[in-house]
PDB file of N, CA and C in Angstrom:
ATOM      1  N   LEU A   1       0.805  -1.156  -0.038  1.00  0.00           N
ATOM      2  CA  LEU A   1      -0.065   0.025   0.043  1.00  0.00           C
ATOM      3  C   LEU A   1       0.848   1.211   0.091  1.00  0.00           C
ATOM      4  N   MET A   2       0.501   2.274  -0.695  1.00  0.00           N
ATOM      5  CA  MET A   2       1.207   3.544  -0.571  1.00  0.00           C
ATOM      6  C   MET A   2       0.152   4.624  -1.034  1.00  0.00           C
ATOM      7  N   GLY A   3       0.505   5.697  -0.484  1.00  0.00           N
ATOM      8  CA  GLY A   3      -0.375   7.026  -0.730  1.00  0.00           C
ATOM      9  C   GLY A   3      -0.352   7.565  -1.861  1.00  0.00           C
ATOM     10  N   ALA A   4      -1.323   8.010  -2.436  1.00  0.00           N
ATOM     11  CA  ALA A   4      -1.281   8.847  -3.775  1.00  0.00           C
ATOM     12  C   ALA A   4      -0.388   9.780  -3.867  1.00  0.00           C
ATOM     13  N   ASP A   5       0.073  10.613  -2.566  1.00  0.00           N
ATOM     14  CA  ASP A   5       1.114  11.560  -2.789  1.00  0.00           C
ATOM     15  C   ASP A   5       2.325  10.897  -3.202  1.00  0.00           C
ATOM     16  N   ASN A   6       2.604   9.524  -2.575  1.00  0.00           N
ATOM     17  CA  ASN A   6       3.817   9.002  -2.753  1.00  0.00           C
ATOM     18  C   ASN A   6       3.974   8.480  -4.478  1.00  0.00           C
ATOM     19  N   LEU A   7       3.032   8.026  -4.899  1.00  0.00           N
ATOM     20  CA  LEU A   7       2.738   7.658  -6.305  1.00  0.00           C
ATOM     21  C   LEU A   7       3.237   8.763  -7.294  1.00  0.00           C
ATOM     22  N   VAL A   8       2.876  10.110  -7.027  1.00  0.00           N
ATOM     23  CA  VAL A   8       3.260  11.006  -7.842  1.00  0.00           C
ATOM     24  C   VAL A   8       4.788  11.324  -7.893  1.00  0.00           C
ATOM     25  N   GLN A   9       5.547  10.791  -6.961  1.00  0.00           N
ATOM     26  CA  GLN A   9       6.953  10.986  -7.274  1.00  0.00           C
ATOM     27  C   GLN A   9       7.630   9.579  -7.229  1.00  0.00           C
ATOM     28  N   PHE A  10       6.799   8.509  -7.303  1.00  0.00           N
ATOM     29  CA  PHE A  10       7.397   7.060  -7.246  1.00  0.00           C
ATOM     30  C   PHE A  10       8.501   6.951  -8.405  1.00  0.00           C
ATOM     31  N   HIS A  11       8.230   7.537  -9.377  1.00  0.00           N
ATOM     32  CA  HIS A  11       9.212   7.335 -10.590  1.00  0.00           C
ATOM     33  C   HIS A  11      10.513   7.889 -10.329  1.00  0.00           C
ATOM     34  N   ARG A  12      10.677   8.772  -9.115  1.00  0.00           N
ATOM     35  CA  ARG A  12      12.216   9.081  -8.585  1.00  0.00           C
ATOM     36  C   ARG A  12      12.866   8.070  -7.890  1.00  0.00           C
ATOM     37  N   TRP A  13      12.173   6.690  -7.489  1.00  0.00           N
ATOM     38  CA  TRP A  13      12.922   5.802  -6.545  1.00  0.00           C
ATOM     39  C   TRP A  13      13.763   5.017  -7.588  1.00  0.00           C
ATOM     40  N   GLY A  14      14.734   4.528  -6.957  1.00  0.00           N
ATOM     41  CA  GLY A  14      15.484   3.658  -7.582  1.00  0.00           C
ATOM     42  C   GLY A  14      14.833   2.376  -7.965  1.00  0.00           C
ATOM     43  N   ARG A  15      14.829   1.880  -9.230  1.00  0.00           N
ATOM     44  CA  ARG A  15      14.317   0.635  -9.627  1.00  0.00           C
ATOM     45  C   ARG A  15      12.846   0.534  -9.335  1.00  0.00           C
ATOM     46  N   TRP A  16      12.093   1.777  -9.600  1.00  0.00           N
ATOM     47  CA  TRP A  16      10.545   1.808  -9.316  1.00  0.00           C
ATOM     48  C   TRP A  16       9.860   0.892 -10.189  1.00  0.00           C
ATOM     49  N   ARG A  17      10.463   0.630 -11.476  1.00  0.00           N
ATOM     50  CA  ARG A  17       9.680  -0.135 -12.381  1.00  0.00           C
ATOM     51  C   ARG A  17       9.700  -1.684 -11.971  1.00  0.00           C
ATOM     52  N   ASP A  18      10.817  -2.043 -11.371  1.00  0.00           N
ATOM     53  CA  ASP A  18      10.991  -3.508 -10.905  1.00  0.00           C
ATOM     54  C   ASP A  18      10.106  -3.638  -9.701  1.00  0.00           C
ATOM     55  N   ILE A  19       9.953  -2.501  -8.910  1.00  0.00           N
ATOM     56  CA  ILE A  19       8.984  -2.737  -7.636  1.00  0.00           C
ATOM     57  C   ILE A  19       7.534  -2.984  -8.238  1.00  0.00           C
ATOM     58  N   LEU A  20       7.004  -2.200  -9.223  1.00  0.00           N
ATOM     59  CA  LEU A  20       5.792  -2.249  -9.646  1.00  0.00           C
ATOM     60  C   LEU A  20       5.484  -3.790 -10.563  1.00  0.00           C
ATOM     61  N   ARG A  21       6.697  -4.062 -10.940  1.00  0.00           N
ATOM     62  CA  ARG A  21       6.568  -5.534 -11.648  1.00  0.00           C
ATOM     63  C   ARG A  21       6.611  -6.509 -10.732  1.00  0.00           C
ATOM     64  N   THR A  22       6.792  -6.476  -9.553  1.00  0.00           N
ATOM     65  CA  THR A  22       7.121  -7.480  -8.677  1.00  0.00           C
ATOM     66  C   THR A  22       5.981  -7.805  -7.535  1.00  0.00           C
ATOM     67  N   VAL A  23       5.322  -6.524  -7.208  1.00  0.00           N
ATOM     68  CA  VAL A  23       4.269  -6.655  -6.046  1.00  0.00           C
ATOM     69  C   VAL A  23       3.067  -5.930  -6.616  1.00  0.00           C
ATOM     70  N   ALA A  24       2.032  -6.510  -6.129  1.00  0.00           N
ATOM     71  CA  ALA A  24       0.580  -5.705  -6.299  1.00  0.00           C
ATOM     72  C   ALA A  24       0.682  -4.473  -5.488  1.00  0.00           C
ATOM     73  N   VAL A  25       0.146  -3.326  -5.909  1.00  0.00           N
ATOM     74  CA  VAL A  25       0.135  -2.067  -5.256  1.00  0.00           C
ATOM     75  C   VAL A  25      -1.198  -1.533  -5.085  1.00  0.00           C
ATOM     76  N   GLY A  26      -1.571  -1.270  -4.035  1.00  0.00           N
ATOM     77  CA  GLY A  26      -2.962  -0.477  -3.653  1.00  0.00           C
ATOM     78  C   GLY A  26      -2.537   0.988  -3.494  1.00  0.00           C
ATOM     79  N   VAL A  27      -2.806   1.985  -4.200  1.00  0.00           N
ATOM     80  CA  VAL A  27      -2.724   3.375  -3.964  1.00  0.00           C
ATOM     81  C   VAL A  27      -3.905   3.890  -3.280  1.00  0.00           C
ATOM     82  N   LEU A  28      -3.633   4.396  -2.087  1.00  0.00           N
ATOM     83  CA  LEU A  28      -4.908   5.132  -1.424  1.00  0.00           C
ATOM     84  C   LEU A  28      -4.801   6.498  -1.606  1.00  0.00           C
ATOM     85  N   ALA A  29      -6.053   6.976  -1.873  1.00  0.00           N
ATOM     86  CA  ALA A  29      -6.380   8.484  -2.058  1.00  0.00           C
ATOM     87  C   ALA A  29      -5.628   9.199  -0.788  1.00  0.00           C
ATOM     88  N   ARG A  30      -5.128  10.441  -1.135  1.00  0.00           N
ATOM     89  CA  ARG A  30      -4.560  11.425  -0.185  1.00  0.00           C
ATOM     90  C   ARG A  30      -5.116  12.772  -0.356  1.00  0.00           C
ATOM     91  N   PRO A  31      -5.382  13.577   0.490  1.00  0.00           N
ATOM     92  CA  PRO A  31      -5.821  14.910   0.069  1.00  0.00           C
ATOM     93  C   PRO A  31      -4.923  15.719  -0.883  1.00  0.00           C
ATOM     94  N   GLY A  32      -5.509  16.084  -1.864  1.00  0.00           N
ATOM     95  CA  GLY A  32      -4.896  17.077  -2.938  1.00  0.00           C
ATOM     96  C   GLY A  32      -4.085  16.245  -4.011  1.00  0.00           C
ATOM     97  N   SER A  33      -3.923  14.870  -4.036  1.00  0.00           N
ATOM     98  CA  SER A  33      -3.065  14.106  -4.656  1.00  0.00           C
ATOM     99  C   SER A  33      -3.637  13.266  -5.814  1.00  0.00           C
ATOM    100  N   GLY A  34      -5.122  13.048  -5.746  1.00  0.00           N
ATOM    101  CA  GLY A  34      -5.903  12.092  -6.571  1.00  0.00           C
ATOM    102  C   GLY A  34      -5.548  12.169  -7.943  1.00  0.00           C
ATOM    103  N   VAL A  35      -5.577  13.554  -8.423  1.00  0.00           N
ATOM    104  CA  VAL A  35      -5.573  13.622 -10.047  1.00  0.00           C
ATOM    105  C   VAL A  35      -4.014  13.499 -10.319  1.00  0.00           C
ATOM    106  N   ALA A  36      -3.058  14.134  -9.541  1.00  0.00           N
ATOM    107  CA  ALA A  36      -1.713  14.062  -9.914  1.00  0.00           C
ATOM    108  C   ALA A  36      -1.336  12.743  -9.957  1.00  0.00           C
ATOM    109  N   ALA A  37      -1.751  11.782  -8.794  1.00  0.00           N
ATOM    110  CA  ALA A  37      -1.362  10.457  -8.882  1.00  0.00           C
ATOM    111  C   ALA A  37      -1.727   9.651 -10.086  1.00  0.00           C
ATOM    112  N   ARG A  38      -2.938   9.810 -10.538  1.00  0.00           N
ATOM    113  CA  ARG A  38      -3.494   9.118 -11.698  1.00  0.00           C
ATOM    114  C   ARG A  38      -2.860   9.600 -13.053  1.00  0.00           C
ATOM    115  N   LEU A  39      -2.195  10.909 -13.224  1.00  0.00           N
ATOM    116  CA  LEU A  39      -1.420  11.445 -14.132  1.00  0.00           C
ATOM    117  C   LEU A  39       0.139  11.274 -13.820  1.00  0.00           C
ATOM    118  N   SER A  40       0.513  10.642 -12.954  1.00  0.00           N
ATOM    119  CA  SER A  40       1.844  10.468 -12.581  1.00  0.00           C
ATOM    120  C   SER A  40       2.727   9.647 -13.835  1.00  0.00           C
ATOM    121  N   VAL A  41       3.978   9.766 -13.724  1.00  0.00           N
ATOM    122  CA  VAL A  41       4.742   8.993 -14.683  1.00  0.00           C
ATOM    123  C   VAL A  41       4.536   7.399 -14.416  1.00  0.00           C
ATOM    124  N   ALA A  42       4.574   6.931 -12.966  1.00  0.00           N
ATOM    125  CA  ALA A  42       4.367   5.678 -12.800  1.00  0.00           C
ATOM    126  C   ALA A  42       2.986   5.268 -13.108  1.00  0.00           C
ATOM    127  N   ALA A  43       1.932   5.901 -12.854  1.00  0.00           N
ATOM    128  CA  ALA A  43       0.643   5.461 -13.367  1.00  0.00           C
ATOM    129  C   ALA A  43       0.303   5.348 -14.818  1.00  0.00           C
ATOM    130  N   GLN A  44       0.980   6.218 -15.437  1.00  0.00           N
ATOM    131  CA  GLN A  44       0.825   6.329 -16.890  1.00  0.00           C
ATOM    132  C   GLN A  44       1.620   5.081 -17.440  1.00  0.00           C
ATOM    133  N   SER A  45       2.704   4.814 -16.938  1.00  0.00           N
ATOM    134  CA  SER A  45       3.514   3.823 -17.374  1.00  0.00           C
ATOM    135  C   SER A  45       2.957   2.359 -17.245  1.00  0.00           C
ATOM    136  N   PHE A  46       2.367   2.365 -16.288  1.00  0.00           N
ATOM    137  CA  PHE A  46       1.765   0.993 -15.770  1.00  0.00           C
ATOM    138  C   PHE A  46       0.192   0.937 -15.882  1.00  0.00           C
ATOM    139  N   ARG A  47      -0.295   1.866 -16.600  1.00  0.00           N
ATOM    140  CA  ARG A  47      -1.913   1.932 -16.918  1.00  0.00           C
ATOM    141  C   ARG A  47      -2.589   0.814 -17.274  1.00  0.00           C
ATOM    142  N   VAL A  48      -1.796   0.077 -18.068  1.00  0.00           N
ATOM    143  CA  VAL A  48      -2.585  -1.128 -18.733  1.00  0.00           C
ATOM    144  C   VAL A  48      -2.599  -2.410 -17.584  1.00  0.00           C
ATOM    145  N   HIS A  49      -1.930  -1.910 -16.553  1.00  0.00           N
ATOM    146  CA  HIS A  49      -1.879  -2.979 -15.342  1.00  0.00           C
ATOM    147  C   HIS A  49      -2.830  -2.560 -14.220  1.00  0.00           C
ATOM    148  N   ARG A  50      -3.570  -1.586 -14.519  1.00  0.00           N
ATOM    149  CA  ARG A  50      -4.392  -0.942 -13.306  1.00  0.00           C
ATOM    150  C   ARG A  50      -5.741  -1.723 -13.414  1.00  0.00           C
ATOM    151  N   VAL A  51      -6.165  -2.091 -12.212  1.00  0.00           N
ATOM    152  CA  VAL A  51      -7.634  -2.780 -12.134  1.00  0.00           C
ATOM    153  C   VAL A  51      -8.520  -2.004 -11.368  1.00  0.00           C
ATOM    154  N   ASP A  52      -9.780  -2.005 -11.776  1.00  0.00           N
ATOM    155  CA  ASP A  52     -10.701  -1.385 -11.119  1.00  0.00           C
ATOM    156  C   ASP A  52     -10.764  -1.508  -9.544  1.00  0.00           C
ATOM    157  N   ARG A  53     -10.958  -0.517  -8.789  1.00  0.00           N
ATOM    158  CA  ARG A  53     -10.926  -0.643  -7.175  1.00  0.00           C
ATOM    159  C   ARG A  53     -11.817  -1.662  -6.865  1.00  0.00           C
ATOM    160  N   GLY A  54     -12.828  -2.114  -7.804  1.00  0.00           N
ATOM    161  CA  GLY A  54     -13.846  -3.082  -7.179  1.00  0.00           C
ATOM    162  C   GLY A  54     -13.179  -4.482  -7.315  1.00  0.00           C
ATOM    163  N   GLU A  55     -12.167  -4.592  -8.012  1.00  0.00           N
ATOM    164  CA  GLU A  55     -11.573  -5.992  -8.132  1.00  0.00           C
ATOM    165  C   GLU A  55     -10.643  -6.001  -7.150  1.00  0.00           C
ATOM    166  N   ARG A  56     -10.330  -7.176  -6.758  1.00  0.00           N
ATOM    167  CA  ARG A  56      -9.260  -7.556  -5.742  1.00  0.00           C
ATOM    168  C   ARG A  56      -8.058  -7.549  -6.212  1.00  0.00           C
ATOM    169  N   LEU A  57      -7.021  -7.231  -5.662  1.00  0.00           N
ATOM    170  CA  LEU A  57      -5.571  -7.305  -6.286  1.00  0.00           C
ATOM    171  C   LEU A  57      -5.179  -8.674  -5.979  1.00  0.00           C
ATOM    172  N   ARG A  58      -5.762  -9.308  -4.891  1.00  0.00           N
ATOM    173  CA  ARG A  58      -5.265 -10.684  -4.771  1.00  0.00           C
ATOM    174  C   ARG A  58      -5.826 -11.539  -5.978  1.00  0.00           C
ATOM    175  N   GLY A  59      -5.139 -12.582  -6.464  1.00  0.00           N
ATOM    176  CA  GLY A  59      -5.476 -13.080  -7.527  1.00  0.00           C
ATOM    177  C   GLY A  59      -4.960 -12.732  -8.985  1.00  0.00           C
ATOM    178  N   HIS A  60      -4.397 -11.380  -8.915  1.00  0.00           N
ATOM    179  CA  HIS A  60      -3.905 -10.885 -10.071  1.00  0.00           C
ATOM    180  C   HIS A  60      -2.234 -10.968  -9.836  1.00  0.00           C
ATOM    181  N   ALA A  61      -1.662 -11.680 -10.937  1.00  0.00           N
ATOM    182  CA  ALA A  61      -0.189 -11.530 -10.783  1.00  0.00           C
ATOM    183  C   ALA A  61       0.379 -10.227 -10.946  1.00  0.00           C
ATOM    184  N   PRO A  62       1.333  -9.690 -10.500  1.00  0.00           N
ATOM    185  CA  PRO A  62       1.997  -8.632 -10.756  1.00  0.00           C
ATOM    186  C   PRO A  62       2.575  -8.550 -12.207  1.00  0.00           C
ATOM    187  N   PRO A  63       2.513  -7.351 -12.791  1.00  0.00           N
ATOM    188  CA  PRO A  63       2.228  -6.133 -12.169  1.00  0.00           C
ATOM    189  C   PRO A  63       0.846  -5.977 -12.352  1.00  0.00           C
ATOM    190  N   VAL A  64       0.298  -5.407 -11.127  1.00  0.00           N
ATOM    191  CA  VAL A  64      -1.027  -4.865 -10.990  1.00  0.00           C
ATOM    192  C   VAL A  64      -1.138  -3.798  -9.872  1.00  0.00           C
ATOM    193  N   TRP A  65      -1.906  -2.900 -10.039  1.00  0.00           N
ATOM    194  CA  TRP A  65      -2.219  -1.895  -9.046  1.00  0.00           C
ATOM    195  C   TRP A  65      -3.501  -1.299  -9.301  1.00  0.00           C
ATOM    196  N   CYS A  66      -4.153  -0.813  -8.181  1.00  0.00           N
ATOM    197  CA  CYS A  66      -5.385   0.054  -8.135  1.00  0.00           C
ATOM    198  C   CYS A  66      -5.570   1.189  -7.264  1.00  0.00           C
ATOM    199  N   PHE A  67      -6.331   2.063  -7.599  1.00  0.00           N
ATOM    200  CA  PHE A  67      -6.437   3.374  -6.855  1.00  0.00           C
ATOM    201  C   PHE A  67      -7.635   3.250  -6.097  1.00  0.00           C
ATOM    202  N   VAL A  68      -7.564   3.472  -4.810  1.00  0.00           N
ATOM    203  CA  VAL A  68      -8.761   3.361  -3.828  1.00  0.00           C
ATOM    204  C   VAL A  68      -9.078   4.672  -3.275  1.00  0.00           C
ATOM    205  N   ASN A  69     -10.324   5.170  -3.736  1.00  0.00           N
ATOM    206  CA  ASN A  69     -10.741   6.325  -3.008  1.00  0.00           C
ATOM    207  C   ASN A  69     -11.453   5.790  -1.914  1.00  0.00           C
ATOM    208  N   LEU A  70     -10.957   6.589  -0.724  1.00  0.00           N
ATOM    209  CA  LEU A  70     -11.748   6.394   0.735  1.00  0.00           C
ATOM    210  C   LEU A  70     -11.760   7.586   1.317  1.00  0.00           C
ATOM    211  N   PRO A  71     -12.392   7.789   2.453  1.00  0.00           N
ATOM    212  CA  PRO A  71     -12.499   9.084   3.251  1.00  0.00           C
ATOM    213  C   PRO A  71     -11.119   9.683   3.489  1.00  0.00           C
ATOM    214  N   LEU A  72     -10.958  10.870   3.027  1.00  0.00           N
ATOM    215  CA  LEU A  72      -9.692  11.439   3.233  1.00  0.00           C
ATOM    216  C   LEU A  72      -9.319  11.950   4.649  1.00  0.00           C
ATOM    217  N   ASN A  73      -8.144  11.810   4.997  1.00  0.00           N
ATOM    218  CA  ASN A  73      -7.569  12.123   6.412  1.00  0.00           C
ATOM    219  C   ASN A  73      -6.211  12.646   6.019  1.00  0.00           C
ATOM    220  N   GLY A  74      -6.090  14.020   6.610  1.00  0.00           N
ATOM    221  CA  GLY A  74      -4.797  14.678   6.352  1.00  0.00           C
ATOM    222  C   GLY A  74      -3.391  14.193   7.245  1.00  0.00           C
ATOM    223  N   ALA A  75      -3.756  13.230   8.085  1.00  0.00           N
ATOM    224  CA  ALA A  75      -2.789  12.769   8.940  1.00  0.00           C
ATOM    225  C   ALA A  75      -1.563  12.259   8.211  1.00  0.00           C
ATOM    226  N   SER A  76      -0.485  12.686   8.617  1.00  0.00           N
ATOM    227  CA  SER A  76       0.863  12.393   8.225  1.00  0.00           C
ATOM    228  C   SER A  76       1.334  10.949   8.770  1.00  0.00           C
ATOM    229  N   SER A  77       1.778   9.995   7.765  1.00  0.00           N
ATOM    230  CA  SER A  77       2.263   8.824   8.459  1.00  0.00           C
ATOM    231  C   SER A  77       3.490   9.076   9.104  1.00  0.00           C
ATOM    232  N   THR A  78       4.398  10.002   8.679  1.00  0.00           N
ATOM    233  CA  THR A  78       5.634  10.365   9.316  1.00  0.00           C
ATOM    234  C   THR A  78       5.315  10.611  10.618  1.00  0.00           C
ATOM    235  N   ASP A  79       4.259  11.578  10.811  1.00  0.00           N
ATOM    236  CA  ASP A  79       4.027  12.023  12.282  1.00  0.00           C
ATOM    237  C   ASP A  79       3.427  10.813  13.098  1.00  0.00           C
ATOM    238  N   ILE A  80       2.593  10.082  12.602  1.00  0.00           N
ATOM    239  CA  ILE A  80       2.031   8.978  13.098  1.00  0.00           C
ATOM    240  C   ILE A  80       3.159   7.883  13.767  1.00  0.00           C
ATOM    241  N   ARG A  81       4.243   7.785  12.905  1.00  0.00           N
ATOM    242  CA  ARG A  81       5.180   6.826  13.212  1.00  0.00           C
ATOM    243  C   ARG A  81       6.135   7.441  14.491  1.00  0.00           C
ATOM    244  N   ALA A  82       6.262   8.755  14.295  1.00  0.00           N
ATOM    245  CA  ALA A  82       7.146   9.452  15.143  1.00  0.00           C
ATOM    246  C   ALA A  82       6.360   9.412  16.737  1.00  0.00           C
ATOM    247  N   ARG A  83       5.100   9.541  16.848  1.00  0.00           N
ATOM    248  CA  ARG A  83       4.300   9.543  17.895  1.00  0.00           C
ATOM    249  C   ARG A  83       4.163   8.059  18.448  1.00  0.00           C
ATOM    250  N   GLY A  84       4.312   7.088  17.552  1.00  0.00           N
ATOM    251  CA  GLY A  84       4.337   5.663  17.955  1.00  0.00           C
ATOM    252  C   GLY A  84       2.869   5.204  17.922  1.00  0.00           C
ATOM    253  N   ASP A  85       1.808   5.838  17.308  1.00  0.00           N
ATOM    254  CA  ASP A  85       0.567   5.721  17.458  1.00  0.00           C
ATOM    255  C   ASP A  85       0.095   4.197  16.579  1.00  0.00           C
ATOM    256  N   TRP A  86       1.231   3.829  15.891  1.00  0.00           N
ATOM    257  CA  TRP A  86       1.045   2.571  14.989  1.00  0.00           C
ATOM    258  C   TRP A  86       1.261   1.231  15.933  1.00  0.00           C
ATOM    259  N   ARG A  87       1.694   1.474  17.049  1.00  0.00           N
ATOM    260  CA  ARG A  87       1.873   0.319  17.914  1.00  0.00           C
ATOM    261  C   ARG A  87       0.609  -0.072  18.545  1.00  0.00           C
ATOM    262  N   SER A  88       0.379  -1.508  18.803  1.00  0.00           N
ATOM    263  CA  SER A  88      -0.676  -2.234  19.225  1.00  0.00           C
ATOM    264  C   SER A  88      -1.017  -1.617  20.701  1.00  0.00           C
ATOM    265  N   GLY A  89      -2.281  -1.540  21.012  1.00  0.00           N
ATOM    266  CA  GLY A  89      -2.597  -1.022  22.258  1.00  0.00           C
ATOM    267  C   GLY A  89      -2.814   0.332  22.494  1.00  0.00           C
ATOM    268  N   ARG A  90      -2.763   1.080  21.471  1.00  0.00           N
ATOM    269  CA  ARG A  90      -2.642   2.631  21.652  1.00  0.00           C
ATOM    270  C   ARG A  90      -3.840   3.184  20.996  1.00  0.00           C
TER     271      ARG A  90
END
């Protein structure tokens, strides 16, 4: 899983194409990043491998990805990790 804001710049990662060819990717909507994510270099490069959000990624061999719209939350994963909110029991 990755946020849409990350997909926007994913093509800057080392070996990003290998990552998308190797694992199924669910892209979660993020505030202000939906359109940019769908038009990103990675999304356009792998557009033929995109499945509808209604389809399950499981059962599809990579490369496969989907964009998932969900209630938007502006929380920063970096901040959540720094606070330790991800730990069980909190």
